[in-house]
Amino acid sequence: KKKLNDPPPPRRKAILAKHPEIKELYGPDIRLLPMILAIVAAQLGLAVYATNLDGWKWFLLCWSLGGTLTHWLSLGNHELSHNLCFKTTIYNELLGMVANCAQGLPSCVTFKKYHLEHHYSQ
């Protein structure tokens, strides 16, 4: 398996030489878990609430708040594709699938595959 170099080695070396404290920020951060679960709950709650709306009110809620929450879940899936919530890959993938429940599209596994390929070919 090819090693992920993000950022590329010369740049990484220069950044770490200037700011060695950055290494403390490496690795998983469990704070992503409650954020994703809260966004999923909000998205599903709004979906139920939206059944009582009609016309432009429904559209405005879906477009503004629903779109924002969906985008946040996409950003969460990006972090999960790099295994940045749990140390174990399968847990990151399962949380990505939970996030997909509120997005409407099962995309986390496919996104991870192509996103990591993008990093490998940088």
Protein backbone atom coordinates (compact mmCIF):
# COMPACT_ATOMS: atom_id res chain seq x y z
CA LYS A 1 0.00 0.00 0.00
CA LYS A 2 1.36 3.37 -1.02
CA LYS A 3 2.16 5.83 1.78
CA LEU A 4 -0.07 8.90 1.97
CA ASN A 5 2.02 12.07 1.69
CA ASP A 6 -0.19 15.01 2.50
CA PRO A 7 1.32 17.56 2.43
CA PRO A 8 4.24 16.40 0.22
CA PRO A 9 7.46 15.53 2.15
CA PRO A 10 9.49 18.72 1.45
CA ARG A 11 6.61 20.95 2.48
CA ARG A 12 5.78 18.79 5.51
CA LYS A 13 9.42 18.94 6.65
CA ALA A 14 9.51 22.73 6.31
CA ILE A 15 6.24 23.16 8.19
CA LEU A 16 7.31 20.87 11.05
CA ALA A 17 10.73 22.55 11.29
CA LYS A 18 9.07 25.92 11.73
CA HIS A 19 6.14 24.70 13.87
CA PRO A 20 6.97 21.41 15.70
CA GLU A 21 3.87 21.87 17.89
CA ILE A 22 1.73 20.84 14.91
CA LYS A 23 2.62 17.18 15.56
CA GLU A 24 0.47 17.35 18.70
CA LEU A 25 -2.56 17.83 16.45
CA TYR A 26 -1.98 14.59 14.50
CA GLY A 27 -4.31 11.64 14.91
CA PRO A 28 -7.94 10.87 15.67
CA ASP A 29 -10.20 13.31 17.50
CA ILE A 30 -13.28 11.77 19.13
CA ARG A 31 -15.03 15.17 19.22
CA LEU A 32 -16.15 14.43 15.67
CA LEU A 33 -18.51 11.70 16.97
CA PRO A 34 -20.94 13.90 18.95
CA MET A 35 -20.86 16.55 16.21
CA ILE A 36 -21.89 14.09 13.50
CA LEU A 37 -24.54 12.47 15.71
CA ALA A 38 -26.01 15.90 16.56
CA ILE A 39 -26.11 16.93 12.90
CA VAL A 40 -27.76 13.63 11.92
CA ALA A 41 -30.37 14.10 14.68
CA ALA A 42 -31.01 17.69 13.58
CA GLN A 43 -31.31 16.69 9.92
CA LEU A 44 -33.74 13.87 10.65
CA GLY A 45 -35.73 16.06 13.06
CA LEU A 46 -36.01 18.76 10.42
CA ALA A 47 -37.15 16.18 7.88
CA VAL A 48 -40.03 15.24 10.18
CA TYR A 49 -40.82 18.92 10.86
CA ALA A 50 -40.77 19.70 7.12
CA THR A 51 -43.71 17.37 6.56
CA ASN A 52 -45.88 20.09 8.16
CA LEU A 53 -44.68 22.79 5.76
CA ASP A 54 -45.71 23.55 2.23
CA GLY A 55 -44.60 25.65 -0.70
CA TRP A 56 -41.85 28.19 -0.23
CA LYS A 57 -41.47 27.49 3.53
CA TRP A 58 -40.65 23.86 2.80
CA PHE A 59 -38.24 24.82 0.01
CA LEU A 60 -36.51 27.49 2.12
CA LEU A 61 -36.00 25.08 5.05
CA CYS A 62 -34.69 22.30 2.81
CA TRP A 63 -32.45 24.57 0.76
CA SER A 64 -30.94 26.63 3.57
CA LEU A 65 -30.79 24.53 6.73
CA GLY A 66 -30.99 21.11 5.08
CA GLY A 67 -28.29 22.01 2.57
CA THR A 68 -26.02 23.38 5.29
CA LEU A 69 -26.42 20.29 7.47
CA THR A 70 -25.83 18.00 4.49
CA HIS A 71 -22.64 19.88 3.65
CA TRP A 72 -21.44 19.58 7.27
CA LEU A 73 -22.01 15.84 7.07
CA SER A 74 -19.98 15.75 3.85
CA LEU A 75 -17.14 17.51 5.65
CA GLY A 76 -17.47 14.97 8.46
CA ASN A 77 -17.23 12.16 5.93
CA HIS A 78 -14.06 13.75 4.58
CA GLU A 79 -12.51 13.62 8.05
CA LEU A 80 -13.74 10.04 8.50
CA SER A 81 -12.16 9.02 5.19
CA HIS A 82 -8.82 9.91 6.80
CA ASN A 83 -9.73 7.90 9.96
CA LEU A 84 -9.74 11.06 12.07
CA CYS A 85 -12.44 10.14 14.59
CA PHE A 86 -11.50 6.64 15.72
CA LYS A 87 -8.21 4.73 15.57
CA THR A 88 -10.03 1.77 14.00
CA THR A 89 -10.99 2.09 10.32
CA ILE A 90 -14.25 0.15 10.57
CA TYR A 91 -15.59 2.51 13.27
CA ASN A 92 -14.86 5.51 11.04
CA GLU A 93 -16.62 3.78 8.15
CA LEU A 94 -19.65 2.90 10.29
CA LEU A 95 -19.97 6.49 11.51
CA GLY A 96 -19.76 7.58 7.87
CA MET A 97 -22.68 5.28 7.09
CA VAL A 98 -24.66 6.81 9.97
CA ALA A 99 -23.93 10.25 8.53
CA ASN A 100 -25.13 9.03 5.14
CA CYS A 101 -28.52 8.15 6.66
CA ALA A 102 -29.22 11.87 7.00
CA GLN A 103 -27.70 12.77 3.63
CA GLY A 104 -29.87 10.51 1.53
CA LEU A 105 -26.96 9.13 -0.52
CA PRO A 106 -24.76 6.19 0.47
CA SER A 107 -21.46 7.80 -0.47
CA CYS A 108 -18.95 7.45 2.38
CA VAL A 109 -17.17 4.27 1.23
CA THR A 110 -16.96 5.33 -2.42
CA PHE A 111 -15.89 8.84 -1.42
CA LYS A 112 -13.09 7.40 0.72
CA LYS A 113 -11.81 5.25 -2.13
CA TYR A 114 -11.62 8.07 -4.65
CA HIS A 115 -10.55 10.73 -2.18
CA LEU A 116 -7.57 8.72 -0.95
CA GLU A 117 -6.67 7.96 -4.56
CA HIS A 118 -6.62 11.73 -5.11
CA HIS A 119 -4.14 12.10 -2.24
CA TYR A 120 -1.93 9.28 -3.48
CA SER A 121 -1.55 10.90 -6.87
CA GLN A 122 -0.75 14.38 -5.62
